[in-house]
Amino acid sequence: MLNGESGLEGGQHLSIIQHLSWGQKKIAVTANEIVNIFDYRIQYMTDTMPGSLGAPVFDDAWTVVTLHHSGGNLVKNAKGERIFANEGIRIRDIMAQATLAQAFSV
């Protein structure tokens, strides 16, 4: 299930289902807290591996709330401080794009 607006907050858990290099799926459900929420991005500690780009990221109700798009030493605030974390684009912002929303609603 997709959720256009889910009331996400810091400390909430997120899980990710990864399909790495077309191998077996891996589900990350530990050490998985949200650390930063921005306008259209969410940063989280959920463990990912290279090749996870586009993987769905779920809240505790198994609703897709973001799509994974990067990880590493990311900027965490306006001061330019950095954090080693992962980051996804919020589903609500993806769904706001008419053509993408139409594709997900089929």
PDB file of N, CA and C in Angstrom:
ATOM      1  N   MET A   1       0.834  -1.167   0.000  1.00  0.00           N
ATOM      2  CA  MET A   1       0.000   0.000   0.000  1.00  0.00           C
ATOM      3  C   MET A   1       0.885   1.238   0.000  1.00  0.00           C
ATOM      4  N   LEU A   2       0.482   2.236  -0.764  1.00  0.00           N
ATOM      5  CA  LEU A   2       1.191   3.514  -0.783  1.00  0.00           C
ATOM      6  C   LEU A   2       0.458   4.491   0.118  1.00  0.00           C
ATOM      7  N   ASN A   3       1.206   5.385   0.720  1.00  0.00           N
ATOM      8  CA  ASN A   3       0.590   6.371   1.591  1.00  0.00           C
ATOM      9  C   ASN A   3       1.087   7.746   1.202  1.00  0.00           C
ATOM     10  N   GLY A   4       0.186   8.591   0.701  1.00  0.00           N
ATOM     11  CA  GLY A   4       0.564   9.937   0.286  1.00  0.00           C
ATOM     12  C   GLY A   4       0.987  10.813   1.438  1.00  0.00           C
ATOM     13  N   GLU A   5       0.464  10.611   2.609  1.00  0.00           N
ATOM     14  CA  GLU A   5       0.817  11.398   3.794  1.00  0.00           C
ATOM     15  C   GLU A   5       0.647  10.507   5.003  1.00  0.00           C
ATOM     16  N   SER A   6       1.721  10.216   5.714  1.00  0.00           N
ATOM     17  CA  SER A   6       1.620   9.216   6.770  1.00  0.00           C
ATOM     18  C   SER A   6       1.966   9.723   8.161  1.00  0.00           C
ATOM     19  N   GLY A   7       2.235  10.994   8.338  1.00  0.00           N
ATOM     20  CA  GLY A   7       2.558  11.492   9.668  1.00  0.00           C
ATOM     21  C   GLY A   7       3.857  10.925  10.208  1.00  0.00           C
ATOM     22  N   LEU A   8       4.888  10.891   9.402  1.00  0.00           N
ATOM     23  CA  LEU A   8       6.175  10.358   9.834  1.00  0.00           C
ATOM     24  C   LEU A   8       6.824  11.290  10.845  1.00  0.00           C
ATOM     25  N   GLU A   9       7.620  10.704  11.749  1.00  0.00           N
ATOM     26  CA  GLU A   9       8.338  11.510  12.725  1.00  0.00           C
ATOM     27  C   GLU A   9       9.658  10.847  13.080  1.00  0.00           C
ATOM     28  N   GLY A  10      10.580  11.651  13.592  1.00  0.00           N
ATOM     29  CA  GLY A  10      11.885  11.140  13.988  1.00  0.00           C
ATOM     30  C   GLY A  10      11.762  10.023  15.003  1.00  0.00           C
ATOM     31  N   GLY A  11      12.608   9.025  14.895  1.00  0.00           N
ATOM     32  CA  GLY A  11      12.595   7.887  15.796  1.00  0.00           C
ATOM     33  C   GLY A  11      11.687   6.753  15.354  1.00  0.00           C
ATOM     34  N   GLN A  12      10.786   7.044  14.427  1.00  0.00           N
ATOM     35  CA  GLN A  12       9.891   6.003  13.902  1.00  0.00           C
ATOM     36  C   GLN A  12      10.721   4.999  13.118  1.00  0.00           C
ATOM     37  N   HIS A  13      10.287   3.750  13.110  1.00  0.00           N
ATOM     38  CA  HIS A  13      11.019   2.698  12.408  1.00  0.00           C
ATOM     39  C   HIS A  13      10.599   2.603  10.945  1.00  0.00           C
ATOM     40  N   LEU A  14      11.584   2.330  10.092  1.00  0.00           N
ATOM     41  CA  LEU A  14      11.345   2.072   8.674  1.00  0.00           C
ATOM     42  C   LEU A  14      12.063   0.793   8.296  1.00  0.00           C
ATOM     43  N   SER A  15      11.434  -0.013   7.468  1.00  0.00           N
ATOM     44  CA  SER A  15      12.033  -1.249   6.977  1.00  0.00           C
ATOM     45  C   SER A  15      12.131  -1.162   5.462  1.00  0.00           C
ATOM     46  N   ILE A  16      13.079  -1.883   4.891  1.00  0.00           N
ATOM     47  CA  ILE A  16      13.298  -1.816   3.448  1.00  0.00           C
ATOM     48  C   ILE A  16      13.451  -3.220   2.881  1.00  0.00           C
ATOM     49  N   ILE A  17      12.828  -3.455   1.742  1.00  0.00           N
ATOM     50  CA  ILE A  17      12.994  -4.712   1.019  1.00  0.00           C
ATOM     51  C   ILE A  17      13.888  -4.412  -0.176  1.00  0.00           C
ATOM     52  N   GLN A  18      15.065  -5.036  -0.189  1.00  0.00           N
ATOM     53  CA  GLN A  18      16.062  -4.785  -1.222  1.00  0.00           C
ATOM     54  C   GLN A  18      16.179  -5.996  -2.143  1.00  0.00           C
ATOM     55  N   HIS A  19      16.458  -5.738  -3.386  1.00  0.00           N
ATOM     56  CA  HIS A  19      16.651  -6.795  -4.377  1.00  0.00           C
ATOM     57  C   HIS A  19      18.002  -6.511  -5.020  1.00  0.00           C
ATOM     58  N   LEU A  20      19.058  -6.974  -4.392  1.00  0.00           N
ATOM     59  CA  LEU A  20      20.416  -6.599  -4.744  1.00  0.00           C
ATOM     60  C   LEU A  20      20.966  -7.398  -5.922  1.00  0.00           C
ATOM     61  N   SER A  21      21.398  -6.690  -6.931  1.00  0.00           N
ATOM     62  CA  SER A  21      22.031  -7.307  -8.103  1.00  0.00           C
ATOM     63  C   SER A  21      21.222  -8.496  -8.617  1.00  0.00           C
ATOM     64  N   TRP A  22      19.932  -8.389  -8.554  1.00  0.00           N
ATOM     65  CA  TRP A  22      19.005  -9.415  -9.040  1.00  0.00           C
ATOM     66  C   TRP A  22      19.155 -10.738  -8.304  1.00  0.00           C
ATOM     67  N   GLY A  23      19.757 -10.691  -7.119  1.00  0.00           N
ATOM     68  CA  GLY A  23      19.873 -11.883  -6.288  1.00  0.00           C
ATOM     69  C   GLY A  23      18.654 -12.022  -5.394  1.00  0.00           C
ATOM     70  N   GLN A  24      18.830 -12.710  -4.277  1.00  0.00           N
ATOM     71  CA  GLN A  24      17.727 -12.892  -3.340  1.00  0.00           C
ATOM     72  C   GLN A  24      17.351 -11.565  -2.698  1.00  0.00           C
ATOM     73  N   LYS A  25      16.077 -11.431  -2.363  1.00  0.00           N
ATOM     74  CA  LYS A  25      15.603 -10.231  -1.672  1.00  0.00           C
ATOM     75  C   LYS A  25      16.134 -10.249  -0.240  1.00  0.00           C
ATOM     76  N   LYS A  26      16.455  -9.069   0.253  1.00  0.00           N
ATOM     77  CA  LYS A  26      16.902  -8.902   1.632  1.00  0.00           C
ATOM     78  C   LYS A  26      15.957  -7.915   2.310  1.00  0.00           C
ATOM     79  N   ILE A  27      15.528  -8.235   3.500  1.00  0.00           N
ATOM     80  CA  ILE A  27      14.644  -7.361   4.253  1.00  0.00           C
ATOM     81  C   ILE A  27      15.409  -6.838   5.465  1.00  0.00           C
ATOM     82  N   ALA A  28      15.523  -5.512   5.556  1.00  0.00           N
ATOM     83  CA  ALA A  28      16.209  -4.887   6.689  1.00  0.00           C
ATOM     84  C   ALA A  28      15.165  -4.350   7.661  1.00  0.00           C
ATOM     85  N   VAL A  29      15.141  -4.899   8.870  1.00  0.00           N
ATOM     86  CA  VAL A  29      14.134  -4.508   9.855  1.00  0.00           C
ATOM     87  C   VAL A  29      14.742  -4.145  11.214  1.00  0.00           C
ATOM     88  N   THR A  30      16.066  -4.007  11.291  1.00  0.00           N
ATOM     89  CA  THR A  30      16.697  -3.644  12.555  1.00  0.00           C
ATOM     90  C   THR A  30      17.516  -2.371  12.388  1.00  0.00           C
ATOM     91  N   ALA A  31      17.810  -1.711  13.507  1.00  0.00           N
ATOM     92  CA  ALA A  31      18.583  -0.457  13.510  1.00  0.00           C
ATOM     93  C   ALA A  31      18.037   0.481  12.433  1.00  0.00           C
ATOM     94  N   ASN A  32      16.741   0.730  12.490  1.00  0.00           N
ATOM     95  CA  ASN A  32      16.076   1.344  11.351  1.00  0.00           C
ATOM     96  C   ASN A  32      15.264   2.596  11.680  1.00  0.00           C
ATOM     97  N   GLU A  33      15.828   3.514  12.426  1.00  0.00           N
ATOM     98  CA  GLU A  33      15.084   4.705  12.822  1.00  0.00           C
ATOM     99  C   GLU A  33      15.234   5.852  11.834  1.00  0.00           C
ATOM    100  N   ILE A  34      14.164   6.659  11.749  1.00  0.00           N
ATOM    101  CA  ILE A  34      14.236   7.918  10.997  1.00  0.00           C
ATOM    102  C   ILE A  34      15.095   8.879  11.806  1.00  0.00           C
ATOM    103  N   VAL A  35      16.069   9.528  11.151  1.00  0.00           N
ATOM    104  CA  VAL A  35      16.926  10.487  11.843  1.00  0.00           C
ATOM    105  C   VAL A  35      16.677  11.925  11.394  1.00  0.00           C
ATOM    106  N   ASN A  36      16.177  12.135  10.185  1.00  0.00           N
ATOM    107  CA  ASN A  36      15.870  13.477   9.687  1.00  0.00           C
ATOM    108  C   ASN A  36      14.708  13.408   8.712  1.00  0.00           C
ATOM    109  N   ILE A  37      13.859  14.420   8.776  1.00  0.00           N
ATOM    110  CA  ILE A  37      12.763  14.541   7.822  1.00  0.00           C
ATOM    111  C   ILE A  37      12.854  15.925   7.194  1.00  0.00           C
ATOM    112  N   PHE A  38      12.931  15.941   5.880  1.00  0.00           N
ATOM    113  CA  PHE A  38      12.981  17.184   5.130  1.00  0.00           C
ATOM    114  C   PHE A  38      11.706  17.306   4.311  1.00  0.00           C
ATOM    115  N   ASP A  39      11.596  18.366   3.545  1.00  0.00           N
ATOM    116  CA  ASP A  39      10.400  18.605   2.760  1.00  0.00           C
ATOM    117  C   ASP A  39      10.031  17.390   1.916  1.00  0.00           C
ATOM    118  N   TYR A  40      10.949  16.887   1.112  1.00  0.00           N
ATOM    119  CA  TYR A  40      10.632  15.763   0.218  1.00  0.00           C
ATOM    120  C   TYR A  40      11.541  14.557   0.436  1.00  0.00           C
ATOM    121  N   ARG A  41      12.439  14.635   1.429  1.00  0.00           N
ATOM    122  CA  ARG A  41      13.377  13.549   1.700  1.00  0.00           C
ATOM    123  C   ARG A  41      13.277  13.095   3.147  1.00  0.00           C
ATOM    124  N   ILE A  42      13.593  11.819   3.347  1.00  0.00           N
ATOM    125  CA  ILE A  42      13.657  11.254   4.697  1.00  0.00           C
ATOM    126  C   ILE A  42      14.998  10.539   4.823  1.00  0.00           C
ATOM    127  N   GLN A  43      15.703  10.795   5.915  1.00  0.00           N
ATOM    128  CA  GLN A  43      16.955  10.088   6.178  1.00  0.00           C
ATOM    129  C   GLN A  43      16.707   9.076   7.286  1.00  0.00           C
ATOM    130  N   TYR A  44      17.287   7.894   7.117  1.00  0.00           N
ATOM    131  CA  TYR A  44      17.034   6.792   8.048  1.00  0.00           C
ATOM    132  C   TYR A  44      18.282   5.938   8.182  1.00  0.00           C
ATOM    133  N   MET A  45      18.342   5.189   9.264  1.00  0.00           N
ATOM    134  CA  MET A  45      19.500   4.353   9.563  1.00  0.00           C
ATOM    135  C   MET A  45      19.351   2.920   9.053  1.00  0.00           C
ATOM    136  N   THR A  46      18.218   2.588   8.473  1.00  0.00           N
ATOM    137  CA  THR A  46      17.984   1.238   7.975  1.00  0.00           C
ATOM    138  C   THR A  46      19.146   0.801   7.094  1.00  0.00           C
ATOM    139  N   ASP A  47      19.645  -0.391   7.334  1.00  0.00           N
ATOM    140  CA  ASP A  47      20.808  -0.907   6.612  1.00  0.00           C
ATOM    141  C   ASP A  47      20.455  -1.220   5.161  1.00  0.00           C
ATOM    142  N   THR A  48      21.260  -0.702   4.244  1.00  0.00           N
ATOM    143  CA  THR A  48      21.072  -1.001   2.825  1.00  0.00           C
ATOM    144  C   THR A  48      22.410  -1.405   2.218  1.00  0.00           C
ATOM    145  N   MET A  49      22.324  -1.977   1.041  1.00  0.00           N
ATOM    146  CA  MET A  49      23.502  -2.392   0.293  1.00  0.00           C
ATOM    147  C   MET A  49      23.489  -1.687  -1.054  1.00  0.00           C
ATOM    148  N   PRO A  50      24.659  -1.554  -1.693  1.00  0.00           N
ATOM    149  CA  PRO A  50      24.668  -0.980  -3.041  1.00  0.00           C
ATOM    150  C   PRO A  50      23.710  -1.751  -3.944  1.00  0.00           C
ATOM    151  N   GLY A  51      23.001  -1.031  -4.778  1.00  0.00           N
ATOM    152  CA  GLY A  51      22.030  -1.659  -5.659  1.00  0.00           C
ATOM    153  C   GLY A  51      20.607  -1.572  -5.130  1.00  0.00           C
ATOM    154  N   SER A  52      20.411  -0.856  -4.020  1.00  0.00           N
ATOM    155  CA  SER A  52      19.085  -0.746  -3.413  1.00  0.00           C
ATOM    156  C   SER A  52      18.273   0.421  -3.960  1.00  0.00           C
ATOM    157  N   LEU A  53      18.811   1.154  -4.895  1.00  0.00           N
ATOM    158  CA  LEU A  53      18.118   2.309  -5.472  1.00  0.00           C
ATOM    159  C   LEU A  53      16.721   1.918  -5.935  1.00  0.00           C
ATOM    160  N   GLY A  54      15.721   2.680  -5.499  1.00  0.00           N
ATOM    161  CA  GLY A  54      14.346   2.419  -5.897  1.00  0.00           C
ATOM    162  C   GLY A  54      13.611   1.412  -5.026  1.00  0.00           C
ATOM    163  N   ALA A  55      14.278   0.868  -4.017  1.00  0.00           N
ATOM    164  CA  ALA A  55      13.628  -0.104  -3.141  1.00  0.00           C
ATOM    165  C   ALA A  55      12.546   0.577  -2.300  1.00  0.00           C
ATOM    166  N   PRO A  56      11.420  -0.104  -2.070  1.00  0.00           N
ATOM    167  CA  PRO A  56      10.376   0.479  -1.230  1.00  0.00           C
ATOM    168  C   PRO A  56      10.801   0.475   0.237  1.00  0.00           C
ATOM    169  N   VAL A  57      10.460   1.555   0.931  1.00  0.00           N
ATOM    170  CA  VAL A  57      10.744   1.685   2.354  1.00  0.00           C
ATOM    171  C   VAL A  57       9.398   1.783   3.072  1.00  0.00           C
ATOM    172  N   PHE A  58       9.202   0.951   4.080  1.00  0.00           N
ATOM    173  CA  PHE A  58       7.911   0.780   4.739  1.00  0.00           C
ATOM    174  C   PHE A  58       7.927   1.298   6.166  1.00  0.00           C
ATOM    175  N   ASP A  59       6.767   1.778   6.633  1.00  0.00           N
ATOM    176  CA  ASP A  59       6.606   2.093   8.054  1.00  0.00           C
ATOM    177  C   ASP A  59       6.214   0.801   8.784  1.00  0.00           C
ATOM    178  N   ASP A  60       5.903   0.896  10.073  1.00  0.00           N
ATOM    179  CA  ASP A  60       5.577  -0.301  10.859  1.00  0.00           C
ATOM    180  C   ASP A  60       4.279  -0.976  10.431  1.00  0.00           C
ATOM    181  N   ALA A  61       3.422  -0.254   9.690  1.00  0.00           N
ATOM    182  CA  ALA A  61       2.177  -0.842   9.187  1.00  0.00           C
ATOM    183  C   ALA A  61       2.378  -1.442   7.789  1.00  0.00           C
ATOM    184  N   TRP A  62       3.628  -1.503   7.336  1.00  0.00           N
ATOM    185  CA  TRP A  62       3.998  -2.014   6.020  1.00  0.00           C
ATOM    186  C   TRP A  62       3.349  -1.203   4.886  1.00  0.00           C
ATOM    187  N   THR A  63       3.270   0.095   5.106  1.00  0.00           N
ATOM    188  CA  THR A  63       2.829   1.035   4.081  1.00  0.00           C
ATOM    189  C   THR A  63       4.077   1.661   3.480  1.00  0.00           C
ATOM    190  N   VAL A  64       4.158   1.728   2.155  1.00  0.00           N
ATOM    191  CA  VAL A  64       5.314   2.345   1.505  1.00  0.00           C
ATOM    192  C   VAL A  64       5.253   3.851   1.746  1.00  0.00           C
ATOM    193  N   VAL A  65       6.301   4.392   2.364  1.00  0.00           N
ATOM    194  CA  VAL A  65       6.326   5.816   2.673  1.00  0.00           C
ATOM    195  C   VAL A  65       7.417   6.576   1.926  1.00  0.00           C
ATOM    196  N   THR A  66       8.390   5.850   1.389  1.00  0.00           N
ATOM    197  CA  THR A  66       9.468   6.484   0.645  1.00  0.00           C
ATOM    198  C   THR A  66      10.108   5.452  -0.287  1.00  0.00           C
ATOM    199  N   LEU A  67      10.804   5.938  -1.299  1.00  0.00           N
ATOM    200  CA  LEU A  67      11.604   5.071  -2.171  1.00  0.00           C
ATOM    201  C   LEU A  67      13.066   5.414  -1.945  1.00  0.00           C
ATOM    202  N   HIS A  68      13.858   4.396  -1.644  1.00  0.00           N
ATOM    203  CA  HIS A  68      15.276   4.587  -1.359  1.00  0.00           C
ATOM    204  C   HIS A  68      15.996   5.150  -2.582  1.00  0.00           C
ATOM    205  N   HIS A  69      16.869   6.148  -2.352  1.00  0.00           N
ATOM    206  CA  HIS A  69      17.611   6.680  -3.494  1.00  0.00           C
ATOM    207  C   HIS A  69      19.083   6.937  -3.232  1.00  0.00           C
ATOM    208  N   SER A  70      19.539   6.964  -1.986  1.00  0.00           N
ATOM    209  CA  SER A  70      20.971   7.175  -1.775  1.00  0.00           C
ATOM    210  C   SER A  70      21.361   6.801  -0.350  1.00  0.00           C
ATOM    211  N   GLY A  71      22.649   6.736  -0.142  1.00  0.00           N
ATOM    212  CA  GLY A  71      23.186   6.467   1.182  1.00  0.00           C
ATOM    213  C   GLY A  71      24.626   6.904   1.241  1.00  0.00           C
ATOM    214  N   GLY A  72      25.126   7.085   2.439  1.00  0.00           N
ATOM    215  CA  GLY A  72      26.508   7.505   2.616  1.00  0.00           C
ATOM    216  C   GLY A  72      26.608   8.670   3.570  1.00  0.00           C
ATOM    217  N   ASN A  73      27.579   9.525   3.333  1.00  0.00           N
ATOM    218  CA  ASN A  73      27.850  10.678   4.186  1.00  0.00           C
ATOM    219  C   ASN A  73      26.990  11.849   3.713  1.00  0.00           C
ATOM    220  N   LEU A  74      25.740  11.911   4.168  1.00  0.00           N
ATOM    221  CA  LEU A  74      24.747  12.859   3.673  1.00  0.00           C
ATOM    222  C   LEU A  74      24.683  14.125   4.518  1.00  0.00           C
ATOM    223  N   VAL A  75      24.315  15.239   3.899  1.00  0.00           N
ATOM    224  CA  VAL A  75      24.098  16.487   4.623  1.00  0.00           C
ATOM    225  C   VAL A  75      22.856  16.334   5.483  1.00  0.00           C
ATOM    226  N   LYS A  76      22.981  16.671   6.792  1.00  0.00           N
ATOM    227  CA  LYS A  76      21.854  16.468   7.703  1.00  0.00           C
ATOM    228  C   LYS A  76      21.152  17.743   8.128  1.00  0.00           C
ATOM    229  N   ASN A  77      21.747  18.913   7.844  1.00  0.00           N
ATOM    230  CA  ASN A  77      21.089  20.162   8.244  1.00  0.00           C
ATOM    231  C   ASN A  77      21.619  21.338   7.423  1.00  0.00           C
ATOM    232  N   ALA A  78      21.041  22.517   7.672  1.00  0.00           N
ATOM    233  CA  ALA A  78      21.407  23.725   6.924  1.00  0.00           C
ATOM    234  C   ALA A  78      22.831  24.186   7.214  1.00  0.00           C
ATOM    235  N   LYS A  79      23.418  23.739   8.316  1.00  0.00           N
ATOM    236  CA  LYS A  79      24.798  24.087   8.653  1.00  0.00           C
ATOM    237  C   LYS A  79      25.805  23.300   7.820  1.00  0.00           C
ATOM    238  N   GLY A  80      25.330  22.291   7.095  1.00  0.00           N
ATOM    239  CA  GLY A  80      26.212  21.458   6.295  1.00  0.00           C
ATOM    240  C   GLY A  80      26.811  20.294   7.048  1.00  0.00           C
ATOM    241  N   GLU A  81      26.376  20.073   8.298  1.00  0.00           N
ATOM    242  CA  GLU A  81      26.862  18.921   9.055  1.00  0.00           C
ATOM    243  C   GLU A  81      26.418  17.651   8.339  1.00  0.00           C
ATOM    244  N   ARG A  82      27.179  16.595   8.530  1.00  0.00           N
ATOM    245  CA  ARG A  82      26.909  15.356   7.803  1.00  0.00           C
ATOM    246  C   ARG A  82      26.597  14.205   8.747  1.00  0.00           C
ATOM    247  N   ILE A  83      25.911  13.218   8.201  1.00  0.00           N
ATOM    248  CA  ILE A  83      25.567  12.006   8.929  1.00  0.00           C
ATOM    249  C   ILE A  83      25.691  10.828   7.964  1.00  0.00           C
ATOM    250  N   PHE A  84      26.180   9.697   8.458  1.00  0.00           N
ATOM    251  CA  PHE A  84      26.231   8.497   7.634  1.00  0.00           C
ATOM    252  C   PHE A  84      24.874   7.822   7.761  1.00  0.00           C
ATOM    253  N   ALA A  85      24.073   7.921   6.715  1.00  0.00           N
ATOM    254  CA  ALA A  85      22.697   7.431   6.751  1.00  0.00           C
ATOM    255  C   ALA A  85      22.242   7.077   5.345  1.00  0.00           C
ATOM    256  N   ASN A  86      21.000   6.681   5.235  1.00  0.00           N
ATOM    257  CA  ASN A  86      20.355   6.421   3.952  1.00  0.00           C
ATOM    258  C   ASN A  86      19.249   7.439   3.757  1.00  0.00           C
ATOM    259  N   GLU A  87      18.794   7.568   2.510  1.00  0.00           N
ATOM    260  CA  GLU A  87      17.807   8.597   2.215  1.00  0.00           C
ATOM    261  C   GLU A  87      16.857   8.121   1.135  1.00  0.00           C
ATOM    262  N   GLY A  88      15.594   8.524   1.286  1.00  0.00           N
ATOM    263  CA  GLY A  88      14.578   8.195   0.298  1.00  0.00           C
ATOM    264  C   GLY A  88      13.740   9.416  -0.025  1.00  0.00           C
ATOM    265  N   ILE A  89      13.064   9.356  -1.157  1.00  0.00           N
ATOM    266  CA  ILE A  89      12.133  10.396  -1.581  1.00  0.00           C
ATOM    267  C   ILE A  89      10.744  10.010  -1.083  1.00  0.00           C
ATOM    268  N   ARG A  90      10.067  10.957  -0.436  1.00  0.00           N
ATOM    269  CA  ARG A  90       8.753  10.678   0.136  1.00  0.00           C
ATOM    270  C   ARG A  90       7.743  10.314  -0.949  1.00  0.00           C
ATOM    271  N   ILE A  91       6.944   9.306  -0.691  1.00  0.00           N
ATOM    272  CA  ILE A  91       5.917   8.863  -1.628  1.00  0.00           C
ATOM    273  C   ILE A  91       4.938   9.988  -1.930  1.00  0.00           C
ATOM    274  N   ARG A  92       4.590  10.796  -0.943  1.00  0.00           N
ATOM    275  CA  ARG A  92       3.635  11.888  -1.183  1.00  0.00           C
ATOM    276  C   ARG A  92       4.140  12.824  -2.267  1.00  0.00           C
ATOM    277  N   ASP A  93       5.466  13.017  -2.336  1.00  0.00           N
ATOM    278  CA  ASP A  93       6.032  13.902  -3.348  1.00  0.00           C
ATOM    279  C   ASP A  93       6.123  13.222  -4.703  1.00  0.00           C
ATOM    280  N   ILE A  94       6.343  11.922  -4.689  1.00  0.00           N
ATOM    281  CA  ILE A  94       6.327  11.178  -5.949  1.00  0.00           C
ATOM    282  C   ILE A  94       4.911  11.176  -6.510  1.00  0.00           C
ATOM    283  N   MET A  95       3.934  10.946  -5.625  1.00  0.00           N
ATOM    284  CA  MET A  95       2.543  10.899  -6.068  1.00  0.00           C
ATOM    285  C   MET A  95       2.032  12.265  -6.530  1.00  0.00           C
ATOM    286  N   ALA A  96       2.671  13.322  -6.105  1.00  0.00           N
ATOM    287  CA  ALA A  96       2.260  14.670  -6.516  1.00  0.00           C
ATOM    288  C   ALA A  96       2.569  14.915  -7.988  1.00  0.00           C
ATOM    289  N   GLN A  97       3.433  14.121  -8.546  1.00  0.00           N
ATOM    290  CA  GLN A  97       3.731  14.221  -9.984  1.00  0.00           C
ATOM    291  C   GLN A  97       2.669  13.431 -10.730  1.00  0.00           C
ATOM    292  N   ALA A  98       1.891  14.096 -11.538  1.00  0.00           N
ATOM    293  CA  ALA A  98       0.705  13.499 -12.162  1.00  0.00           C
ATOM    294  C   ALA A  98       0.989  12.172 -12.874  1.00  0.00           C
ATOM    295  N   THR A  99       2.023  12.107 -13.698  1.00  0.00           N
ATOM    296  CA  THR A  99       2.270  10.881 -14.458  1.00  0.00           C
ATOM    297  C   THR A  99       2.694   9.734 -13.553  1.00  0.00           C
ATOM    298  N   LEU A 100       3.470  10.026 -12.524  1.00  0.00           N
ATOM    299  CA  LEU A 100       3.882   8.968 -11.597  1.00  0.00           C
ATOM    300  C   LEU A 100       2.708   8.511 -10.748  1.00  0.00           C
ATOM    301  N   ALA A 101       1.882   9.436 -10.289  1.00  0.00           N
ATOM    302  CA  ALA A 101       0.724   9.066  -9.484  1.00  0.00           C
ATOM    303  C   ALA A 101      -0.208   8.177 -10.282  1.00  0.00           C
ATOM    304  N   GLN A 102      -0.375   8.484 -11.553  1.00  0.00           N
ATOM    305  CA  GLN A 102      -1.240   7.688 -12.409  1.00  0.00           C
ATOM    306  C   GLN A 102      -0.669   6.267 -12.554  1.00  0.00           C
ATOM    307  N   ALA A 103       0.637   6.148 -12.708  1.00  0.00           N
ATOM    308  CA  ALA A 103       1.258   4.837 -12.860  1.00  0.00           C
ATOM    309  C   ALA A 103       1.097   3.994 -11.595  1.00  0.00           C
ATOM    310  N   PHE A 104       1.208   4.618 -10.398  1.00  0.00           N
ATOM    311  CA  PHE A 104       1.076   3.881  -9.153  1.00  0.00           C
ATOM    312  C   PHE A 104      -0.356   3.519  -8.820  1.00  0.00           C
ATOM    313  N   SER A 105      -1.341   4.194  -9.403  1.00  0.00           N
ATOM    314  CA  SER A 105      -2.728   3.940  -9.042  1.00  0.00           C
ATOM    315  C   SER A 105      -3.376   2.870  -9.908  1.00  0.00           C
ATOM    316  N   VAL A 106      -2.650   2.321 -10.876  1.00  0.00           N
ATOM    317  CA  VAL A 106      -3.216   1.301 -11.768  1.00  0.00           C
ATOM    318  C   VAL A 106      -3.360   0.000 -11.045  1.00  0.00           C
TER     319      VAL A 106
END
